[in-house]
């Protein structure tokens, strides 16, 4: 299998449309609150820019600083050292899930 095959396989894992999206966020990790920002977002994840990313598998809660705050539970899936981390997002609260879906809908209309 050539290196091109490996790239195709990796890109196939991303089935959700990603939108370029910049917003500040606060990461609640244990008793610490870390500040970071988003680079892009999708229905099941986002990329968080942070000079000191957490490790793969780390879980935390993030609050997107929007007009109406959106709380998401995150799990680190990949690291770009010195740049940030790709995270999977889950939403356990219906109110925040609706806000997240509304955000994605507004981004999809903006992009078209």
Protein backbone atom coordinates (compact mmCIF):
# COMPACT_ATOMS: atom_id res chain seq x y z
CA UNK A 1 0.00 0.00 0.00
CA UNK A 2 1.51 3.37 -1.03
CA UNK A 3 1.52 6.53 1.04
CA UNK A 4 -1.24 7.94 -1.18
CA UNK A 5 -3.52 5.08 -0.09
CA UNK A 6 -2.94 5.97 3.53
CA UNK A 7 -3.93 9.61 2.90
CA UNK A 8 -7.16 8.57 1.18
CA UNK A 9 -8.06 6.30 4.07
CA UNK A 10 -7.48 9.08 6.61
CA UNK A 11 -9.51 11.64 4.67
CA UNK A 12 -12.40 9.16 4.39
CA UNK A 13 -12.82 9.31 8.18
CA UNK A 14 -13.96 12.92 7.86
CA UNK A 15 -17.50 12.55 6.65
CA UNK A 16 -18.80 15.77 8.25
CA UNK A 17 -18.51 19.12 6.47
CA UNK A 18 -16.03 21.41 8.22
CA UNK A 19 -16.58 25.15 8.34
CA UNK A 20 -13.89 27.75 8.93
CA UNK A 21 -14.94 29.30 12.23
CA UNK A 22 -13.08 31.60 14.60
CA UNK A 23 -14.29 32.02 18.17
CA UNK A 24 -12.73 32.22 21.59
CA UNK A 25 -13.43 29.44 24.03
CA UNK A 26 -12.70 28.43 27.59
CA UNK A 27 -11.57 24.92 28.37
CA UNK A 28 -12.56 23.52 31.77
CA UNK A 29 -10.03 20.84 32.56
CA UNK A 30 -10.11 19.69 36.16
CA UNK A 31 -9.80 22.84 38.28
CA UNK A 32 -8.00 24.74 35.50
CA UNK A 33 -9.60 27.08 32.99
CA UNK A 34 -7.59 27.46 29.77
CA UNK A 35 -8.22 29.99 27.01
CA UNK A 36 -8.02 28.99 23.37
CA UNK A 37 -9.78 29.58 20.04
CA UNK A 38 -11.39 27.56 17.28
CA UNK A 39 -10.07 27.23 13.73
CA UNK A 40 -12.84 25.12 12.23
CA UNK A 41 -15.96 23.30 13.34
CA UNK A 42 -18.25 20.46 12.19
CA UNK A 43 -21.25 18.57 13.55
CA UNK A 44 -19.00 16.12 15.38
CA UNK A 45 -15.80 18.02 16.12
CA UNK A 46 -13.60 21.08 15.92
CA UNK A 47 -10.00 22.14 15.80
CA UNK A 48 -8.88 24.16 18.82
CA UNK A 49 -5.81 26.35 18.49
CA UNK A 50 -3.71 26.22 21.65
CA UNK A 51 0.06 26.54 22.10
CA UNK A 52 -0.12 23.82 24.78
CA UNK A 53 -2.65 21.21 23.61
CA UNK A 54 -3.75 18.40 25.90
CA UNK A 55 -2.92 14.77 25.06
CA UNK A 56 -4.83 12.31 22.89
CA UNK A 57 -7.72 10.88 24.89
CA UNK A 58 -7.98 13.84 27.30
CA UNK A 59 -11.56 14.88 28.01
CA UNK A 60 -12.78 18.34 28.92
CA UNK A 61 -15.70 20.75 28.69
CA UNK A 62 -15.43 23.80 26.46
CA UNK A 63 -17.56 26.94 26.41
CA UNK A 64 -17.73 28.70 23.06
CA UNK A 65 -17.84 32.46 23.64
CA UNK A 66 -20.77 33.38 21.42
CA UNK A 67 -23.74 35.71 21.92
CA UNK A 68 -25.31 32.78 23.78
CA UNK A 69 -22.59 30.52 25.19
CA UNK A 70 -22.47 26.94 23.90
CA UNK A 71 -21.13 24.20 26.18
CA UNK A 72 -19.66 21.10 24.53
CA UNK A 73 -17.93 18.01 25.89
CA UNK A 74 -14.71 17.27 24.03
CA UNK A 75 -12.26 14.40 23.63
CA UNK A 76 -8.86 15.00 22.04
CA UNK A 77 -8.40 12.89 18.88
CA UNK A 78 -5.25 14.36 17.32
CA UNK A 79 -2.49 16.81 18.15
CA UNK A 80 -0.57 19.32 16.06
CA UNK A 81 2.29 20.22 18.45
CA UNK A 82 2.56 23.95 19.10
CA UNK A 83 -0.60 24.60 17.06
CA UNK A 84 -3.54 22.84 18.67
CA UNK A 85 -5.75 19.78 18.81
CA UNK A 86 -8.55 18.15 16.89
CA UNK A 87 -11.40 17.12 19.18
CA UNK A 88 -14.57 15.08 18.94
CA UNK A 89 -17.61 16.92 20.30
CA UNK A 90 -20.61 15.54 22.15
CA UNK A 91 -23.56 17.52 23.43
CA UNK A 92 -25.41 16.22 26.45
CA UNK A 93 -27.66 19.22 27.06
CA UNK A 94 -30.59 19.81 24.70
CA UNK A 95 -30.40 23.60 24.96
CA UNK A 96 -26.70 23.68 24.06
CA UNK A 97 -27.21 21.06 21.35
CA UNK A 98 -29.79 23.33 19.69
CA UNK A 99 -27.45 26.33 19.88
CA UNK A 100 -24.65 24.24 18.33
CA UNK A 101 -26.94 23.06 15.52
CA UNK A 102 -28.11 26.65 14.94
CA UNK A 103 -24.47 27.76 14.69
CA UNK A 104 -23.70 25.05 12.10
CA UNK A 105 -26.83 25.97 10.12
CA UNK A 106 -25.79 29.64 10.04
CA UNK A 107 -22.29 28.66 8.87
CA UNK A 108 -23.67 26.44 6.11
CA UNK A 109 -25.83 29.33 4.80
CA UNK A 110 -22.92 31.77 5.00
CA UNK A 111 -20.74 29.44 2.93
CA UNK A 112 -23.24 29.04 0.10
